[in-house]
Structure formats: structure tokens, C-alpha cells
């Protein structure tokens, strides 16, 4: 079983990006489990002063979720032209301790949707850059950046063929990369 952890950059319970992560759970290929990260809103902002013997429980839980995954899918909107603080904070905590963080060596992909004109591409690029610096092995480009306002029908992600295709492709690639890492 290959495990992909989806970290969602929106804390809103009914967010479109959470729905995209749930779509990933539904359409995951056989032998792949997609888990949606929990507790991101409870993790304090990264501060080296509290990252020692008394690491906050929420940060420990986040690190454990990332460590237990074979790959990470960052599913995020774009806030003011960039990466939401909650997702950047999760990457920061997962990058520590330096060189040994739970994100180190893991395949990472990014995608998501937003209301902005560019579909969140800047946030997706920022998240991949942060994941790379944090020790992850990200894709070179976002797996999909979608403008919510351009969607057809009721606007649900599972009704958008381009979203389903991007999620499918991201999962397929992450799983292949995770298996290659294990075999190496």
C-alpha cells in the first residue's frame, strides 16, 4: 500500500480545495491510500524556540503524518498571490530538524483551485519551491491550477474533467516516484 498525504492549504470545512483532496481519496488507484492531513490549524507558527524538547503536540502530530506517508500532495488555494500561511507553516515544521525532517526525500506535487485569474499557479509554484528547500522532491511544475469561476455545472471538482485528470495524473506520478525511491 502506498500512502499519499494530502495537505490542504484552506482551513475552511467546505473549501473547494478540501473537496479536491476528497476527490483524490475517491479516485485513488488500487493499492493507494490518500489521507487528508488533520490539525493544521492547531499547529503554532514555526519558532525554533519551541522546537526542542517541548515540541507542541500539534506539530508532533503533523510531523508523524508526513513521516507515515510515502508522498505528499499539496492542495491549496492562493491567498493574495501566494501560499497560504497554514500550508507554509506545515512545510516549515515538516522540514525540521534540518536535514532530517519528515518531508525529506518524499515526492511532492501541488495543485488546487482558487477564484484568482491564474487559478492559484503562484501559490502552487511557491509550495513546490518551499517543499524543495525543505528537503522534499517536488515536481517541477504544478499538477493543475484551476480557476473556480470557469467551472461548469454545479462547480464541484469531481464534475470537472480537467481536475479529475490532474488529480489522477498527480497521484499516478507520486506513487511511481515513491516506489522508485523505495527501490533505489
N, C-alpha and C. Protein backbone atom coordinates (compact mmCIF):
# COMPACT_ATOMS: atom_id res chain seq x y z
N UNK A 1 0.85 -1.18 0.00
CA UNK A 1 0.00 0.00 0.00
C UNK A 1 0.89 1.24 0.00
N UNK A 2 0.62 2.14 -0.91
CA UNK A 2 1.32 3.42 -0.97
C UNK A 2 0.42 4.48 -0.36
N UNK A 3 0.98 5.27 0.53
CA UNK A 3 0.20 6.31 1.21
C UNK A 3 0.60 7.68 0.72
N UNK A 4 -0.40 8.46 0.31
CA UNK A 4 -0.20 9.85 -0.10
C UNK A 4 -0.91 10.72 0.92
N UNK A 5 -0.18 11.66 1.51
CA UNK A 5 -0.78 12.61 2.45
C UNK A 5 -1.14 13.88 1.70
N UNK A 6 -2.42 14.25 1.73
CA UNK A 6 -2.88 15.49 1.13
C UNK A 6 -2.92 16.56 2.21
N UNK A 7 -2.11 17.59 2.04
CA UNK A 7 -2.13 18.73 2.96
C UNK A 7 -2.90 19.84 2.27
N UNK A 8 -3.98 20.28 2.90
CA UNK A 8 -4.89 21.26 2.30
C UNK A 8 -4.57 22.65 2.86
N UNK A 9 -4.37 23.60 1.95
CA UNK A 9 -3.99 24.95 2.33
C UNK A 9 -5.14 25.84 2.78
N UNK A 10 -6.35 25.32 2.81
CA UNK A 10 -7.51 26.07 3.29
C UNK A 10 -8.07 25.36 4.51
N UNK A 11 -8.33 26.11 5.56
CA UNK A 11 -8.91 25.53 6.77
C UNK A 11 -10.43 25.46 6.73
N UNK A 12 -11.04 26.10 5.75
CA UNK A 12 -12.49 26.14 5.67
C UNK A 12 -13.04 24.74 5.42
N UNK A 13 -14.00 24.32 6.23
CA UNK A 13 -14.55 22.96 6.15
C UNK A 13 -15.11 22.63 4.78
N UNK A 14 -15.72 23.60 4.12
CA UNK A 14 -16.37 23.37 2.83
C UNK A 14 -15.54 23.93 1.67
N UNK A 15 -14.23 24.00 1.84
CA UNK A 15 -13.41 24.61 0.80
C UNK A 15 -13.35 23.74 -0.45
N UNK A 16 -13.21 24.39 -1.58
CA UNK A 16 -13.06 23.68 -2.84
C UNK A 16 -11.82 22.81 -2.82
N UNK A 17 -10.75 23.29 -2.22
CA UNK A 17 -9.51 22.51 -2.18
C UNK A 17 -9.64 21.28 -1.29
N UNK A 18 -10.40 21.38 -0.23
CA UNK A 18 -10.68 20.18 0.59
C UNK A 18 -11.46 19.17 -0.27
N UNK A 19 -12.39 19.68 -1.07
CA UNK A 19 -13.16 18.79 -1.96
C UNK A 19 -12.25 18.13 -2.99
N UNK A 20 -11.23 18.84 -3.44
CA UNK A 20 -10.27 18.24 -4.37
C UNK A 20 -9.49 17.13 -3.66
N UNK A 21 -9.10 17.36 -2.42
CA UNK A 21 -8.40 16.32 -1.65
C UNK A 21 -9.32 15.11 -1.43
N UNK A 22 -10.59 15.37 -1.16
CA UNK A 22 -11.55 14.27 -1.01
C UNK A 22 -11.74 13.51 -2.33
N UNK A 23 -11.70 14.25 -3.44
CA UNK A 23 -11.76 13.62 -4.75
C UNK A 23 -10.56 12.68 -4.93
N UNK A 24 -9.39 13.13 -4.50
CA UNK A 24 -8.19 12.28 -4.59
C UNK A 24 -8.40 10.98 -3.81
N UNK A 25 -9.05 11.08 -2.65
CA UNK A 25 -9.34 9.86 -1.88
C UNK A 25 -10.24 8.92 -2.66
N UNK A 26 -11.26 9.49 -3.31
CA UNK A 26 -12.26 8.69 -4.04
C UNK A 26 -11.67 8.00 -5.27
N UNK A 27 -10.78 8.69 -5.97
CA UNK A 27 -10.31 8.16 -7.25
C UNK A 27 -8.91 7.54 -7.16
N UNK A 28 -8.39 7.43 -5.96
CA UNK A 28 -7.05 6.84 -5.80
C UNK A 28 -7.02 5.44 -6.41
N UNK A 29 -5.96 5.12 -7.14
CA UNK A 29 -5.85 3.79 -7.74
C UNK A 29 -5.79 2.71 -6.66
N UNK A 30 -6.08 1.49 -7.07
CA UNK A 30 -6.00 0.36 -6.15
C UNK A 30 -4.58 0.30 -5.58
N UNK A 31 -4.50 0.07 -4.29
CA UNK A 31 -3.20 -0.02 -3.63
C UNK A 31 -2.67 1.33 -3.17
N UNK A 32 -3.48 2.39 -3.31
CA UNK A 32 -3.08 3.73 -2.89
C UNK A 32 -4.10 4.26 -1.90
N UNK A 33 -3.62 4.72 -0.79
CA UNK A 33 -4.48 5.36 0.21
C UNK A 33 -4.11 6.84 0.28
N UNK A 34 -5.10 7.70 0.10
CA UNK A 34 -4.90 9.13 0.26
C UNK A 34 -5.48 9.52 1.61
N UNK A 35 -4.63 10.07 2.45
CA UNK A 35 -5.06 10.57 3.76
C UNK A 35 -5.02 12.09 3.71
N UNK A 36 -6.05 12.71 4.25
CA UNK A 36 -6.07 14.17 4.33
C UNK A 36 -5.50 14.56 5.68
N UNK A 37 -4.47 15.40 5.64
CA UNK A 37 -3.81 15.85 6.86
C UNK A 37 -4.80 16.53 7.80
N UNK A 38 -4.61 16.29 9.08
CA UNK A 38 -5.50 16.86 10.09
C UNK A 38 -4.71 17.75 11.04
N UNK A 39 -5.42 18.69 11.64
CA UNK A 39 -4.84 19.50 12.70
C UNK A 39 -3.95 20.65 12.26
N UNK A 40 -3.91 20.97 10.97
CA UNK A 40 -3.03 22.05 10.53
C UNK A 40 -3.33 23.38 11.19
N UNK A 41 -4.60 23.63 11.46
CA UNK A 41 -4.98 24.88 12.12
C UNK A 41 -4.55 24.96 13.57
N UNK A 42 -4.17 23.84 14.15
CA UNK A 42 -3.74 23.81 15.55
C UNK A 42 -2.24 23.94 15.72
N UNK A 43 -1.49 23.86 14.62
CA UNK A 43 -0.03 23.91 14.69
C UNK A 43 0.39 25.37 14.83
N UNK A 44 1.15 25.69 15.89
CA UNK A 44 1.60 27.08 16.04
C UNK A 44 2.59 27.45 14.94
N UNK A 45 2.73 28.73 14.69
CA UNK A 45 3.73 29.16 13.71
C UNK A 45 5.09 28.64 14.13
N UNK A 46 5.88 28.22 13.12
CA UNK A 46 7.18 27.66 13.44
C UNK A 46 8.02 28.68 14.19
N UNK A 47 8.65 28.20 15.26
CA UNK A 47 9.51 29.02 16.10
C UNK A 47 10.55 28.08 16.69
N UNK A 48 11.79 28.28 16.34
CA UNK A 48 12.85 27.40 16.81
C UNK A 48 12.93 27.34 18.33
N UNK A 49 12.45 28.38 19.00
CA UNK A 49 12.46 28.38 20.47
C UNK A 49 11.57 27.29 21.06
N UNK A 50 10.53 26.88 20.33
CA UNK A 50 9.64 25.83 20.85
C UNK A 50 9.85 24.50 20.16
N UNK A 51 10.85 24.45 19.28
CA UNK A 51 11.16 23.22 18.56
C UNK A 51 12.37 22.56 19.21
N UNK A 52 12.10 21.91 20.31
CA UNK A 52 13.16 21.23 21.06
C UNK A 52 12.53 20.10 21.84
N UNK A 53 12.82 20.07 23.12
CA UNK A 53 12.29 19.02 23.97
C UNK A 53 10.78 19.11 24.17
N UNK A 54 10.24 20.31 24.02
CA UNK A 54 8.81 20.52 24.27
C UNK A 54 8.06 20.92 23.00
N UNK A 55 8.29 20.20 21.92
CA UNK A 55 7.60 20.49 20.66
C UNK A 55 6.09 20.39 20.90
N UNK A 56 5.32 21.37 20.45
CA UNK A 56 3.87 21.31 20.63
C UNK A 56 3.28 20.02 20.03
N UNK A 57 2.31 19.47 20.71
CA UNK A 57 1.70 18.20 20.29
C UNK A 57 1.16 18.25 18.86
N UNK A 58 0.59 19.39 18.46
CA UNK A 58 0.05 19.50 17.10
C UNK A 58 1.16 19.43 16.06
N UNK A 59 2.32 19.97 16.37
CA UNK A 59 3.46 19.90 15.44
C UNK A 59 4.00 18.48 15.37
N UNK A 60 4.05 17.80 16.50
CA UNK A 60 4.48 16.39 16.52
C UNK A 60 3.53 15.56 15.67
N UNK A 61 2.23 15.78 15.83
CA UNK A 61 1.23 15.03 15.06
C UNK A 61 1.39 15.28 13.56
N UNK A 62 1.64 16.52 13.18
CA UNK A 62 1.85 16.84 11.77
C UNK A 62 3.08 16.10 11.24
N UNK A 63 4.18 16.18 11.97
CA UNK A 63 5.40 15.50 11.54
C UNK A 63 5.18 14.00 11.41
N UNK A 64 4.41 13.43 12.31
CA UNK A 64 4.12 11.99 12.24
C UNK A 64 3.28 11.65 11.01
N UNK A 65 2.32 12.51 10.67
CA UNK A 65 1.50 12.29 9.48
C UNK A 65 2.37 12.31 8.21
N UNK A 66 3.28 13.28 8.14
CA UNK A 66 4.15 13.39 6.98
C UNK A 66 5.11 12.20 6.94
N UNK A 67 5.67 11.84 8.07
CA UNK A 67 6.62 10.71 8.13
C UNK A 67 5.97 9.40 7.71
N UNK A 68 4.69 9.23 8.04
CA UNK A 68 3.98 7.98 7.72
C UNK A 68 3.59 7.87 6.25
N UNK A 69 3.68 8.97 5.52
CA UNK A 69 3.30 8.98 4.11
C UNK A 69 4.49 8.65 3.21
N UNK A 70 4.18 8.09 2.06
CA UNK A 70 5.20 7.82 1.05
C UNK A 70 5.39 9.01 0.12
N UNK A 71 4.37 9.86 0.02
CA UNK A 71 4.41 11.03 -0.85
C UNK A 71 3.43 12.06 -0.30
N UNK A 72 3.58 13.31 -0.76
CA UNK A 72 2.74 14.41 -0.26
C UNK A 72 2.13 15.15 -1.44
N UNK A 73 0.83 15.39 -1.35
CA UNK A 73 0.08 16.17 -2.32
C UNK A 73 -0.38 17.46 -1.64
N UNK A 74 0.12 18.58 -2.11
CA UNK A 74 -0.26 19.88 -1.56
C UNK A 74 -1.44 20.40 -2.38
N UNK A 75 -2.58 20.58 -1.73
CA UNK A 75 -3.81 21.00 -2.40
C UNK A 75 -4.18 22.36 -1.80
N UNK A 76 -4.02 23.41 -2.60
CA UNK A 76 -4.13 24.73 -1.98
C UNK A 76 -4.71 25.81 -2.88
N UNK A 77 -5.43 26.74 -2.25
CA UNK A 77 -5.82 27.95 -2.97
C UNK A 77 -4.64 28.91 -2.97
N UNK A 78 -4.88 30.08 -3.49
CA UNK A 78 -3.88 31.14 -3.48
C UNK A 78 -4.46 32.30 -2.67
N UNK A 79 -3.69 32.79 -1.71
CA UNK A 79 -4.13 33.93 -0.90
C UNK A 79 -3.23 35.12 -1.23
N UNK A 80 -3.82 36.17 -1.78
CA UNK A 80 -3.08 37.39 -2.09
C UNK A 80 -1.83 37.12 -2.91
N UNK A 81 -1.96 36.25 -3.89
CA UNK A 81 -0.87 35.99 -4.80
C UNK A 81 0.19 35.04 -4.29
N UNK A 82 -0.09 34.35 -3.19
CA UNK A 82 0.92 33.45 -2.65
C UNK A 82 0.36 32.27 -1.89
N UNK A 83 1.24 31.59 -1.24
CA UNK A 83 0.96 30.38 -0.49
C UNK A 83 0.26 30.72 0.83
N UNK A 84 -0.85 30.05 1.18
CA UNK A 84 -1.50 30.30 2.47
C UNK A 84 -0.54 29.97 3.63
N UNK A 85 -0.61 30.78 4.66
CA UNK A 85 0.29 30.64 5.82
C UNK A 85 0.19 29.26 6.45
N UNK A 86 -1.00 28.68 6.51
CA UNK A 86 -1.16 27.38 7.17
C UNK A 86 -0.37 26.30 6.45
N UNK A 87 -0.30 26.35 5.13
CA UNK A 87 0.45 25.35 4.38
C UNK A 87 1.95 25.60 4.48
N UNK A 88 2.36 26.85 4.39
CA UNK A 88 3.78 27.19 4.55
C UNK A 88 4.27 26.77 5.92
N UNK A 89 3.45 26.99 6.94
CA UNK A 89 3.80 26.60 8.30
C UNK A 89 3.96 25.09 8.42
N UNK A 90 3.06 24.35 7.77
CA UNK A 90 3.16 22.88 7.80
C UNK A 90 4.46 22.42 7.15
N UNK A 91 4.81 23.04 6.03
CA UNK A 91 6.08 22.69 5.36
C UNK A 91 7.26 23.03 6.27
N UNK A 92 7.19 24.19 6.93
CA UNK A 92 8.29 24.58 7.83
C UNK A 92 8.48 23.56 8.95
N UNK A 93 7.41 23.15 9.60
CA UNK A 93 7.52 22.16 10.68
C UNK A 93 8.01 20.82 10.15
N UNK A 94 7.55 20.43 8.96
CA UNK A 94 7.95 19.13 8.39
C UNK A 94 9.39 19.14 7.90
N UNK A 95 10.00 20.33 7.81
CA UNK A 95 11.38 20.43 7.33
C UNK A 95 12.39 20.25 8.46
N UNK A 96 11.94 20.20 9.68
CA UNK A 96 12.84 20.16 10.84
C UNK A 96 12.81 18.82 11.52
N UNK A 97 13.86 18.39 12.17
CA UNK A 97 15.14 19.09 12.27
C UNK A 97 15.84 19.13 10.92
N UNK A 98 16.64 20.15 10.73
CA UNK A 98 17.30 20.41 9.45
C UNK A 98 17.97 19.14 8.92
N UNK A 99 17.64 18.82 7.66
CA UNK A 99 18.23 17.68 7.00
C UNK A 99 17.63 16.33 7.38
N UNK A 100 16.77 16.32 8.39
CA UNK A 100 16.16 15.08 8.86
C UNK A 100 14.66 15.21 9.03
N UNK A 101 14.08 16.25 8.45
CA UNK A 101 12.65 16.47 8.60
C UNK A 101 11.83 15.36 7.97
N UNK A 102 10.59 15.29 8.36
CA UNK A 102 9.70 14.22 7.87
C UNK A 102 9.39 14.36 6.38
N UNK A 103 9.64 15.52 5.80
CA UNK A 103 9.39 15.74 4.37
C UNK A 103 10.60 15.33 3.52
N UNK A 104 11.74 15.17 4.13
CA UNK A 104 12.99 14.90 3.41
C UNK A 104 12.88 13.67 2.52
N UNK A 105 13.19 13.87 1.24
CA UNK A 105 13.22 12.78 0.27
C UNK A 105 11.87 12.32 -0.26
N UNK A 106 10.79 12.92 0.19
CA UNK A 106 9.46 12.49 -0.25
C UNK A 106 9.06 13.18 -1.55
N UNK A 107 8.45 12.44 -2.48
CA UNK A 107 7.89 13.06 -3.68
C UNK A 107 6.75 14.01 -3.28
N UNK A 108 6.69 15.16 -3.94
CA UNK A 108 5.68 16.17 -3.62
C UNK A 108 5.09 16.72 -4.92
N UNK A 109 3.77 16.85 -4.94
CA UNK A 109 3.08 17.50 -6.06
C UNK A 109 2.15 18.57 -5.48
N UNK A 110 1.83 19.55 -6.30
CA UNK A 110 0.93 20.62 -5.86
C UNK A 110 -0.11 20.88 -6.93
N UNK A 111 -1.33 21.14 -6.46
CA UNK A 111 -2.41 21.54 -7.34
C UNK A 111 -3.49 22.20 -6.49
N UNK A 112 -4.49 22.73 -7.16
CA UNK A 112 -5.60 23.31 -6.42
C UNK A 112 -6.36 24.30 -7.27
N UNK A 113 -7.30 24.95 -6.61
CA UNK A 113 -8.19 25.88 -7.29
C UNK A 113 -8.37 27.13 -6.45
N UNK A 114 -8.64 28.21 -7.13
CA UNK A 114 -8.88 29.48 -6.46
C UNK A 114 -9.75 30.35 -7.35
N UNK A 115 -10.19 31.46 -6.83
CA UNK A 115 -11.01 32.39 -7.61
C UNK A 115 -10.16 33.29 -8.48
N UNK A 116 -8.86 33.40 -8.21
CA UNK A 116 -7.97 34.29 -8.94
C UNK A 116 -7.89 33.96 -10.41
N UNK A 117 -7.44 34.93 -11.17
CA UNK A 117 -7.37 34.81 -12.62
C UNK A 117 -6.44 33.71 -13.11
N UNK A 118 -5.45 33.34 -12.31
CA UNK A 118 -4.47 32.35 -12.75
C UNK A 118 -4.66 30.99 -12.10
N UNK A 119 -5.73 30.81 -11.36
CA UNK A 119 -6.04 29.51 -10.79
C UNK A 119 -5.13 29.08 -9.66
N UNK A 120 -4.37 29.98 -9.10
CA UNK A 120 -3.52 29.64 -7.96
C UNK A 120 -2.13 29.20 -8.34
N UNK A 121 -1.72 29.39 -9.58
CA UNK A 121 -0.42 28.90 -10.02
C UNK A 121 0.72 29.46 -9.18
N UNK A 122 0.61 30.70 -8.73
CA UNK A 122 1.71 31.27 -7.92
C UNK A 122 1.82 30.54 -6.59
N UNK A 123 0.70 30.25 -5.97
CA UNK A 123 0.73 29.51 -4.70
C UNK A 123 1.27 28.10 -4.91
N UNK A 124 0.90 27.49 -6.02
CA UNK A 124 1.37 26.13 -6.29
C UNK A 124 2.88 26.12 -6.55
N UNK A 125 3.35 27.11 -7.31
CA UNK A 125 4.79 27.22 -7.54
C UNK A 125 5.53 27.50 -6.23
N UNK A 126 4.99 28.40 -5.40
CA UNK A 126 5.60 28.70 -4.10
C UNK A 126 5.66 27.46 -3.21
N UNK A 127 4.58 26.67 -3.22
CA UNK A 127 4.56 25.49 -2.36
C UNK A 127 5.59 24.46 -2.81
N UNK A 128 5.77 24.31 -4.12
CA UNK A 128 6.78 23.38 -4.62
C UNK A 128 8.19 23.87 -4.28
N UNK A 129 8.40 25.18 -4.40
CA UNK A 129 9.70 25.76 -4.05
C UNK A 129 10.00 25.53 -2.57
N UNK A 130 9.03 25.80 -1.71
CA UNK A 130 9.22 25.60 -0.27
C UNK A 130 9.48 24.14 0.05
N UNK A 131 8.72 23.25 -0.60
CA UNK A 131 8.91 21.81 -0.35
C UNK A 131 10.30 21.36 -0.78
N UNK A 132 10.79 21.90 -1.87
CA UNK A 132 12.14 21.53 -2.33
C UNK A 132 13.20 21.99 -1.34
N UNK A 133 13.10 23.23 -0.91
CA UNK A 133 14.06 23.76 0.06
C UNK A 133 13.97 22.99 1.37
N UNK A 134 12.77 22.51 1.69
CA UNK A 134 12.55 21.74 2.93
C UNK A 134 13.06 20.31 2.83
N UNK A 135 13.54 19.90 1.67
CA UNK A 135 14.10 18.56 1.52
C UNK A 135 13.25 17.59 0.74
N UNK A 136 12.06 18.02 0.33
CA UNK A 136 11.20 17.15 -0.47
C UNK A 136 11.71 17.05 -1.90
N UNK A 137 11.08 16.18 -2.66
CA UNK A 137 11.43 16.00 -4.08
C UNK A 137 10.20 16.38 -4.92
N UNK A 138 10.01 17.68 -5.12
CA UNK A 138 8.79 18.12 -5.81
C UNK A 138 8.86 18.01 -7.32
N UNK A 139 7.67 17.97 -7.93
CA UNK A 139 7.55 18.07 -9.38
C UNK A 139 8.06 19.46 -9.78
N UNK A 140 8.47 19.59 -11.01
CA UNK A 140 8.98 20.88 -11.50
C UNK A 140 7.88 21.93 -11.63
N UNK A 141 6.67 21.49 -11.98
CA UNK A 141 5.57 22.42 -12.20
C UNK A 141 4.33 21.92 -11.46
N UNK A 142 3.38 22.81 -11.19
CA UNK A 142 2.14 22.38 -10.56
C UNK A 142 1.41 21.35 -11.42
N UNK A 143 0.74 20.42 -10.74
CA UNK A 143 -0.03 19.39 -11.44
C UNK A 143 -1.31 19.93 -12.03
N UNK A 144 -1.78 21.05 -11.51
CA UNK A 144 -3.00 21.66 -12.03
C UNK A 144 -3.38 22.88 -11.21
N UNK A 145 -3.63 23.98 -11.89
CA UNK A 145 -4.05 25.23 -11.23
C UNK A 145 -5.35 25.67 -11.91
N UNK A 146 -6.42 25.66 -11.14
CA UNK A 146 -7.75 25.84 -11.74
C UNK A 146 -8.47 27.06 -11.21
N UNK A 147 -9.08 27.80 -12.12
CA UNK A 147 -9.89 28.96 -11.76
C UNK A 147 -11.32 28.48 -11.53
N UNK A 148 -11.76 28.55 -10.29
CA UNK A 148 -13.08 28.05 -9.90
C UNK A 148 -14.19 28.68 -10.73
N UNK A 149 -14.12 29.96 -10.99
CA UNK A 149 -15.18 30.65 -11.71
C UNK A 149 -15.39 30.16 -13.13
N UNK A 150 -14.43 29.44 -13.69
CA UNK A 150 -14.55 28.93 -15.06
C UNK A 150 -15.16 27.54 -15.11
N UNK A 151 -15.48 26.96 -13.96
CA UNK A 151 -16.00 25.59 -13.92
C UNK A 151 -17.44 25.53 -14.41
N UNK A 152 -17.80 24.37 -14.93
CA UNK A 152 -19.15 24.16 -15.46
C UNK A 152 -20.03 23.46 -14.44
N UNK A 153 -21.31 23.37 -14.74
CA UNK A 153 -22.26 22.66 -13.87
C UNK A 153 -22.36 23.31 -12.50
N UNK A 154 -22.41 22.47 -11.48
CA UNK A 154 -22.55 22.97 -10.11
C UNK A 154 -21.24 23.47 -9.53
N UNK A 155 -20.15 23.24 -10.25
CA UNK A 155 -18.86 23.72 -9.79
C UNK A 155 -18.13 22.77 -8.86
N UNK A 156 -18.61 21.56 -8.71
CA UNK A 156 -17.92 20.58 -7.86
C UNK A 156 -16.71 20.04 -8.60
N UNK A 157 -15.58 19.85 -7.90
CA UNK A 157 -14.36 19.37 -8.58
C UNK A 157 -14.55 18.06 -9.35
N UNK A 158 -15.32 17.13 -8.80
CA UNK A 158 -15.48 15.84 -9.48
C UNK A 158 -16.24 15.95 -10.80
N UNK A 159 -16.89 17.09 -11.04
CA UNK A 159 -17.61 17.32 -12.30
C UNK A 159 -16.73 17.99 -13.36
N UNK A 160 -15.50 18.29 -12.99
CA UNK A 160 -14.60 19.00 -13.90
C UNK A 160 -13.56 18.02 -14.43
N UNK A 161 -13.69 17.59 -15.68
CA UNK A 161 -12.78 16.59 -16.23
C UNK A 161 -11.30 16.95 -16.09
N UNK A 162 -10.98 18.25 -16.24
CA UNK A 162 -9.58 18.65 -16.14
C UNK A 162 -9.05 18.49 -14.71
N UNK A 163 -9.91 18.64 -13.72
CA UNK A 163 -9.49 18.46 -12.32
C UNK A 163 -9.30 16.97 -12.05
N UNK A 164 -10.25 16.16 -12.47
CA UNK A 164 -10.14 14.71 -12.27
C UNK A 164 -8.87 14.20 -12.94
N UNK A 165 -8.60 14.66 -14.16
CA UNK A 165 -7.40 14.23 -14.88
C UNK A 165 -6.13 14.67 -14.14
N UNK A 166 -6.09 15.91 -13.66
CA UNK A 166 -4.90 16.41 -12.97
C UNK A 166 -4.66 15.65 -11.67
N UNK A 167 -5.71 15.37 -10.92
CA UNK A 167 -5.58 14.62 -9.66
C UNK A 167 -5.10 13.20 -9.97
N UNK A 168 -5.70 12.58 -10.96
CA UNK A 168 -5.29 11.22 -11.36
C UNK A 168 -3.82 11.19 -11.75
N UNK A 169 -3.42 12.13 -12.58
CA UNK A 169 -2.03 12.18 -13.03
C UNK A 169 -1.07 12.45 -11.87
N UNK A 170 -1.45 13.34 -10.97
CA UNK A 170 -0.60 13.65 -9.82
C UNK A 170 -0.42 12.41 -8.94
N UNK A 171 -1.51 11.70 -8.68
CA UNK A 171 -1.42 10.50 -7.84
C UNK A 171 -0.57 9.42 -8.52
N UNK A 172 -0.80 9.22 -9.80
CA UNK A 172 -0.04 8.21 -10.54
C UNK A 172 1.46 8.52 -10.50
N UNK A 173 1.80 9.78 -10.71
CA UNK A 173 3.20 10.18 -10.70
C UNK A 173 3.80 10.07 -9.31
N UNK A 174 3.08 10.52 -8.29
CA UNK A 174 3.58 10.44 -6.91
C UNK A 174 3.84 9.00 -6.50
N UNK A 175 2.91 8.11 -6.86
CA UNK A 175 3.07 6.70 -6.50
C UNK A 175 4.28 6.11 -7.20
N UNK A 176 4.44 6.40 -8.48
CA UNK A 176 5.60 5.89 -9.23
C UNK A 176 6.90 6.40 -8.62
N UNK A 177 6.92 7.68 -8.25
CA UNK A 177 8.13 8.26 -7.65
C UNK A 177 8.40 7.66 -6.27
N UNK A 178 7.35 7.43 -5.50
CA UNK A 178 7.52 6.82 -4.16
C UNK A 178 8.06 5.41 -4.28
N UNK A 179 7.54 4.64 -5.24
CA UNK A 179 8.02 3.27 -5.43
C UNK A 179 9.46 3.27 -5.93
N UNK A 180 9.81 4.21 -6.79
CA UNK A 180 11.19 4.31 -7.29
C UNK A 180 12.14 4.67 -6.16
N UNK A 181 11.71 5.51 -5.23
CA UNK A 181 12.55 5.89 -4.09
C UNK A 181 12.83 4.70 -3.20
N UNK A 182 11.82 3.85 -3.01
CA UNK A 182 11.98 2.67 -2.17
C UNK A 182 12.92 1.68 -2.83
N UNK A 183 12.79 1.55 -4.16
CA UNK A 183 13.60 0.59 -4.91
C UNK A 183 15.06 1.02 -5.01
N UNK A 184 15.31 2.32 -4.91
CA UNK A 184 16.68 2.84 -5.08
C UNK A 184 17.59 2.53 -3.92
